[in-house]
Amino acid sequence: MNPRVNQPVNNDQKFEQTLRLLESGDYESALRNFQELASEAQESEAKSTYTLGVLHALVRLGRTREARQVLKAARPLFLKSDEAQLRADLIEVQINSVEDKWSHVLPSLDKMLRKYVEILQDHQIRDVYEEIQLRRGMRLAFLGRFREASPVLEEVLNFNPALLSSEFWYELGRCYLATQEYGRAGEAFSKAVSIGLDDVRAANARWEMGVILMRNQAHALALEQLRLAEELAGAAKIQKKNIYKAMALSLSKLGMENEAIHYARLAGVKL
């Protein structure tokens, strides 16, 4: 998220350079520059913008305790602008997320949509609205509230492509499974694994893709996914019984009876 509120009238060049540092991942340098800009700023609008930059850099660095202190001290400054308040509230959501204080995240996001309903219509605030909806959809999906999450995540499909991470596609795939849209679920999981997932999500995604392919009688393709799910399941410490059972069924459909019997035994079932 871009920490810009409005373009400051002074130190424009240094501000733009600092934004580029932040975007490139050089958070330490960005933090130093934002701190210098904030300390030198005379106008409240510019000081607010630079302080938001300080907060963003601190969150990216994982220095959330320090970020909370800066946020608390800067709240009176942010009160002078609805946009600054909105962006500060979103930063607090980011801090809670980094600190795994998840019980605060979804209620805060929902409150922001209600509180800032008018300002969120402004095109200048589009980046904030998109991040709110992305975080809401992902959190709803994680909580298993798929019917609520699905339209939100589908809206995100029209947002900044940079928001469409592997985790996003994974959660969207889970939403489609819940609504029995198996073709769309398979496509979402395929995109998720192509970008890269952790072992647990990757194993689950491969498993779901295998089951969907079996449902379509594409047993050779299903077997490929199930074998990959089996490999990942060990690293992810996921039980393999269901994977072995599915592999046995696909192998049997493909006429590979000896291998099918082997995996059926591993699964503890009879064909």
Protein backbone atom coordinates (compact mmCIF):
# COMPACT_ATOMS: atom_id res chain seq x y z
CA MET A 1 0.00 0.00 0.00
CA ASN A 2 1.21 3.44 -0.91
CA PRO A 3 1.60 5.68 2.18
CA ARG A 4 0.87 8.78 0.13
CA VAL A 5 -2.05 10.88 1.39
CA ASN A 6 -1.60 13.93 -0.81
CA GLN A 7 1.54 14.92 -2.63
CA PRO A 8 3.53 17.09 -0.20
CA VAL A 9 4.47 20.51 -1.48
CA ASN A 10 8.03 20.28 -0.22
CA ASN A 11 10.78 17.67 -0.48
CA ASP A 12 9.00 16.12 -3.47
CA GLN A 13 12.09 14.48 -4.92
CA LYS A 14 13.24 12.90 -1.68
CA PHE A 15 9.71 11.69 -1.00
CA GLU A 16 9.47 9.98 -4.39
CA GLN A 17 12.90 8.40 -3.89
CA THR A 18 11.83 7.14 -0.49
CA LEU A 19 8.65 5.62 -1.92
CA ARG A 20 10.80 3.76 -4.44
CA LEU A 21 13.00 2.47 -1.62
CA LEU A 22 9.91 1.20 0.17
CA GLU A 23 8.57 -0.48 -2.95
CA SER A 24 11.94 -2.10 -3.69
CA GLY A 25 12.13 -3.65 -0.22
CA ASP A 26 14.86 -1.43 1.23
CA TYR A 27 12.79 -0.74 4.33
CA GLU A 28 15.62 0.41 6.56
CA SER A 29 16.65 3.16 4.17
CA ALA A 30 13.02 4.11 3.58
CA LEU A 31 12.46 4.33 7.33
CA ARG A 32 15.42 6.65 7.84
CA ASN A 33 14.30 8.92 5.01
CA PHE A 34 10.69 9.07 6.19
CA GLN A 35 11.84 9.87 9.71
CA GLU A 36 14.01 12.70 8.43
CA LEU A 37 11.21 14.05 6.25
CA ALA A 38 8.72 13.90 9.12
CA SER A 39 11.07 15.69 11.52
CA GLU A 40 11.73 18.47 9.00
CA ALA A 41 8.12 18.95 7.86
CA GLN A 42 6.45 22.21 8.85
CA GLU A 43 3.00 21.64 7.39
CA SER A 44 0.69 19.15 9.12
CA GLU A 45 -0.39 17.55 5.84
CA ALA A 46 3.19 16.76 4.84
CA LYS A 47 4.08 15.59 8.35
CA SER A 48 1.07 13.28 8.29
CA THR A 49 2.13 11.79 4.95
CA TYR A 50 5.70 11.19 6.08
CA THR A 51 4.59 9.70 9.39
CA LEU A 52 2.39 7.23 7.52
CA GLY A 53 5.52 6.31 5.57
CA VAL A 54 7.39 5.73 8.83
CA LEU A 55 4.60 3.43 9.97
CA HIS A 56 4.62 1.45 6.74
CA ALA A 57 8.36 0.90 6.93
CA LEU A 58 8.15 -0.20 10.57
CA VAL A 59 5.39 -2.71 9.79
CA ARG A 60 7.35 -4.11 6.85
CA LEU A 61 10.33 -4.53 9.17
CA GLY A 62 8.18 -6.34 11.74
CA ARG A 63 8.85 -3.65 14.32
CA THR A 64 5.21 -3.56 15.36
CA ARG A 65 5.75 -2.49 18.96
CA GLU A 66 7.52 0.64 17.76
CA ALA A 67 4.85 1.13 15.10
CA ARG A 68 2.14 1.10 17.75
CA GLN A 69 3.97 3.76 19.72
CA VAL A 70 4.35 5.98 16.64
CA LEU A 71 0.71 5.41 15.67
CA LYS A 72 -0.55 6.33 19.12
CA ALA A 73 1.54 9.51 19.21
CA ALA A 74 0.44 10.52 15.69
CA ARG A 75 -3.30 9.99 16.13
CA PRO A 76 -3.99 13.69 16.94
CA LEU A 77 -2.15 14.62 13.74
CA PHE A 78 -4.18 12.18 11.65
CA LEU A 79 -7.46 13.57 13.03
CA LYS A 80 -7.01 16.57 10.75
CA SER A 81 -7.74 14.43 7.68
CA ASP A 82 -10.32 11.69 7.08
CA GLU A 83 -7.97 10.04 4.62
CA ALA A 84 -5.10 10.03 7.09
CA GLN A 85 -7.38 8.50 9.74
CA LEU A 86 -8.48 5.82 7.27
CA ARG A 87 -4.91 4.94 6.32
CA ALA A 88 -3.86 4.92 9.97
CA ASP A 89 -6.71 2.53 10.81
CA LEU A 90 -5.56 0.20 8.04
CA ILE A 91 -2.03 0.29 9.41
CA GLU A 92 -3.41 -0.79 12.78
CA VAL A 93 -5.05 -3.75 11.02
CA GLN A 94 -1.69 -4.60 9.46
CA ILE A 95 -0.02 -4.46 12.87
CA ASN A 96 -2.66 -6.76 14.38
CA SER A 97 -2.19 -9.18 11.49
CA VAL A 98 1.59 -9.31 11.94
CA GLU A 99 1.10 -9.88 15.67
CA ASP A 100 -1.50 -12.63 15.05
CA LYS A 101 -4.20 -10.68 16.86
CA TRP A 102 -6.74 -12.03 14.42
CA SER A 103 -9.81 -11.51 16.60
CA HIS A 104 -9.42 -7.76 16.00
CA VAL A 105 -8.83 -7.87 12.25
CA LEU A 106 -12.19 -8.69 10.66
CA PRO A 107 -14.26 -6.48 13.03
CA SER A 108 -11.87 -3.58 12.34
CA LEU A 109 -12.15 -4.01 8.57
CA ASP A 110 -15.94 -4.20 8.70
CA LYS A 111 -16.03 -1.08 10.88
CA MET A 112 -13.84 0.79 8.40
CA LEU A 113 -16.25 0.03 5.56
CA ARG A 114 -19.10 1.48 7.61
CA LYS A 115 -17.23 4.45 9.05
CA TYR A 116 -15.57 5.61 5.83
CA VAL A 117 -18.30 4.62 3.36
CA GLU A 118 -18.26 8.00 1.59
CA ILE A 119 -14.52 8.62 1.39
CA LEU A 120 -13.92 5.07 0.13
CA GLN A 121 -15.81 6.06 -3.04
CA ASP A 122 -12.97 8.44 -3.89
CA HIS A 123 -10.66 7.14 -6.63
CA GLN A 124 -7.69 8.52 -4.68
CA ILE A 125 -8.47 6.05 -1.89
CA ARG A 126 -8.84 3.09 -4.23
CA ASP A 127 -5.71 1.35 -2.93
CA VAL A 128 -7.12 1.38 0.62
CA TYR A 129 -10.50 0.01 -0.45
CA GLU A 130 -8.81 -2.79 -2.40
CA GLU A 131 -6.65 -3.81 0.54
CA ILE A 132 -9.63 -3.76 2.91
CA GLN A 133 -11.62 -6.05 0.64
CA LEU A 134 -8.70 -8.38 0.04
CA ARG A 135 -8.06 -8.75 3.75
CA ARG A 136 -11.78 -9.21 4.48
CA GLY A 137 -12.18 -11.89 1.84
CA MET A 138 -9.08 -13.78 2.92
CA ARG A 139 -10.09 -13.68 6.57
CA LEU A 140 -13.65 -14.81 5.87
CA ALA A 141 -12.34 -17.71 3.79
CA PHE A 142 -9.85 -18.70 6.48
CA LEU A 143 -12.72 -18.80 8.99
CA GLY A 144 -14.68 -21.08 6.68
CA ARG A 145 -17.29 -18.44 5.89
CA PHE A 146 -17.00 -19.26 2.20
CA ARG A 147 -20.36 -17.94 0.99
CA GLU A 148 -19.51 -14.54 2.46
CA ALA A 149 -15.92 -14.66 1.25
CA SER A 150 -16.65 -15.72 -2.33
CA PRO A 151 -18.20 -12.48 -3.67
CA VAL A 152 -15.54 -10.41 -1.91
CA LEU A 153 -12.67 -12.41 -3.39
CA GLU A 154 -14.33 -12.38 -6.80
CA GLU A 155 -14.43 -8.58 -6.55
CA VAL A 156 -10.68 -8.65 -5.83
CA LEU A 157 -10.17 -10.29 -9.25
CA ASN A 158 -10.81 -6.83 -10.72
CA PHE A 159 -8.30 -5.09 -8.45
CA ASN A 160 -4.58 -4.47 -8.78
CA PRO A 161 -3.09 -7.73 -10.19
CA ALA A 162 -0.29 -7.46 -7.61
CA LEU A 163 -2.86 -8.42 -4.95
CA LEU A 164 -3.52 -11.80 -6.58
CA SER A 165 -1.05 -13.88 -4.59
CA SER A 166 -0.88 -17.67 -4.43
CA GLU A 167 -2.69 -17.53 -1.08
CA PHE A 168 -5.46 -15.49 -2.69
CA TRP A 169 -5.98 -18.10 -5.42
CA TYR A 170 -5.87 -20.88 -2.83
CA GLU A 171 -8.62 -19.31 -0.70
CA LEU A 172 -10.68 -18.53 -3.80
CA GLY A 173 -10.36 -22.19 -4.78
CA ARG A 174 -11.68 -23.22 -1.37
CA CYS A 175 -14.64 -20.87 -1.84
CA TYR A 176 -15.46 -22.45 -5.20
CA LEU A 177 -15.28 -25.91 -3.64
CA ALA A 178 -17.80 -24.85 -1.01
CA THR A 179 -20.22 -23.76 -3.74
CA GLN A 180 -19.48 -26.91 -5.79
CA GLU A 181 -17.99 -24.95 -8.70
CA TYR A 182 -15.38 -27.62 -9.28
CA GLY A 183 -14.05 -26.39 -12.60
CA ARG A 184 -13.38 -22.91 -11.25
CA ALA A 185 -11.91 -24.41 -8.08
CA GLY A 186 -9.47 -26.48 -10.11
CA GLU A 187 -8.38 -23.43 -12.10
CA ALA A 188 -7.86 -21.40 -8.92
CA PHE A 189 -5.82 -24.14 -7.25
CA SER A 190 -3.74 -24.55 -10.41
CA LYS A 191 -2.88 -20.85 -10.39
CA ALA A 192 -2.06 -21.03 -6.68
CA VAL A 193 0.45 -23.87 -7.06
CA SER A 194 1.98 -22.32 -10.18
CA ILE A 195 2.85 -19.19 -8.18
CA GLY A 196 4.03 -21.16 -5.15
CA LEU A 197 2.47 -22.25 -1.85
CA ASP A 198 3.79 -23.52 1.46
CA ASP A 199 3.82 -27.31 1.81
CA VAL A 200 0.54 -27.57 3.71
CA ARG A 201 -1.46 -25.48 1.25
CA ALA A 202 0.30 -27.03 -1.74
CA ALA A 203 -0.49 -30.56 -0.53
CA ASN A 204 -4.13 -29.65 0.01
CA ALA A 205 -4.38 -27.88 -3.35
CA ARG A 206 -2.85 -30.84 -5.20
CA TRP A 207 -5.22 -33.19 -3.37
CA GLU A 208 -8.27 -31.13 -4.32
CA MET A 209 -7.09 -30.90 -7.93
CA GLY A 210 -6.67 -34.67 -7.99
CA VAL A 211 -10.18 -35.25 -6.65
CA ILE A 212 -11.66 -32.82 -9.17
CA LEU A 213 -9.87 -34.60 -12.02
CA MET A 214 -11.11 -37.97 -10.74
CA ARG A 215 -14.62 -36.53 -10.71
CA ASN A 216 -14.11 -35.75 -14.42
CA GLN A 217 -12.76 -39.27 -15.08
CA ALA A 218 -9.34 -37.82 -15.95
CA HIS A 219 -7.56 -40.46 -13.88
CA ALA A 220 -4.09 -40.17 -15.45
CA LEU A 221 -3.98 -36.44 -14.72
CA ALA A 222 -5.52 -37.04 -11.30
CA LEU A 223 -2.78 -39.51 -10.47
CA GLU A 224 -0.12 -36.92 -11.26
CA GLN A 225 -1.65 -34.49 -8.80
CA LEU A 226 -2.17 -37.16 -6.14
CA ARG A 227 1.47 -38.27 -6.37
CA LEU A 228 2.55 -34.65 -5.88
CA ALA A 229 0.14 -34.35 -2.95
CA GLU A 230 1.66 -37.50 -1.43
CA GLU A 231 5.19 -36.08 -1.71
CA LEU A 232 4.18 -32.80 -0.11
CA ALA A 233 2.06 -34.43 2.58
CA GLY A 234 5.17 -35.87 4.24
CA ALA A 235 6.83 -32.49 4.55
CA ALA A 236 3.54 -30.95 5.66
CA LYS A 237 2.90 -33.77 8.16
CA ILE A 238 -0.51 -34.51 6.66
CA GLN A 239 -1.96 -38.01 6.93
CA LYS A 240 -1.76 -39.83 3.61
CA LYS A 241 -4.57 -42.37 4.03
CA ASN A 242 -7.09 -40.54 1.85
CA ILE A 243 -4.44 -39.81 -0.77
CA TYR A 244 -3.51 -43.49 -0.97
CA LYS A 245 -7.18 -44.46 -1.29
CA ALA A 246 -7.70 -42.02 -4.16
CA MET A 247 -4.50 -43.20 -5.84
CA ALA A 248 -5.68 -46.80 -5.59
CA LEU A 249 -8.98 -45.92 -7.25
CA SER A 250 -7.30 -44.01 -10.10
CA LEU A 251 -4.74 -46.74 -10.65
CA SER A 252 -7.51 -49.31 -10.80
CA LYS A 253 -9.42 -47.23 -13.36
CA LEU A 254 -6.22 -47.08 -15.42
CA GLY A 255 -5.85 -50.88 -15.29
CA MET A 256 -2.75 -50.78 -13.08
CA GLU A 257 -4.05 -53.37 -10.65
CA ASN A 258 -0.82 -54.32 -8.85
CA GLU A 259 -0.05 -50.71 -7.96
CA ALA A 260 -3.71 -50.16 -7.07
CA ILE A 261 -3.63 -53.06 -4.62
CA HIS A 262 -0.40 -51.71 -3.08
CA TYR A 263 -1.90 -48.30 -2.36
CA ALA A 264 -5.18 -49.80 -1.19
CA ARG A 265 -3.23 -51.73 1.42
CA LEU A 266 -1.43 -48.55 2.49
CA ALA A 267 -4.83 -46.91 2.84
CA GLY A 268 -6.23 -49.85 4.77
CA VAL A 269 -9.07 -50.44 2.31
CA LYS A 270 -10.12 -53.08 -0.20
CA LEU A 271 -10.77 -52.30 -3.85
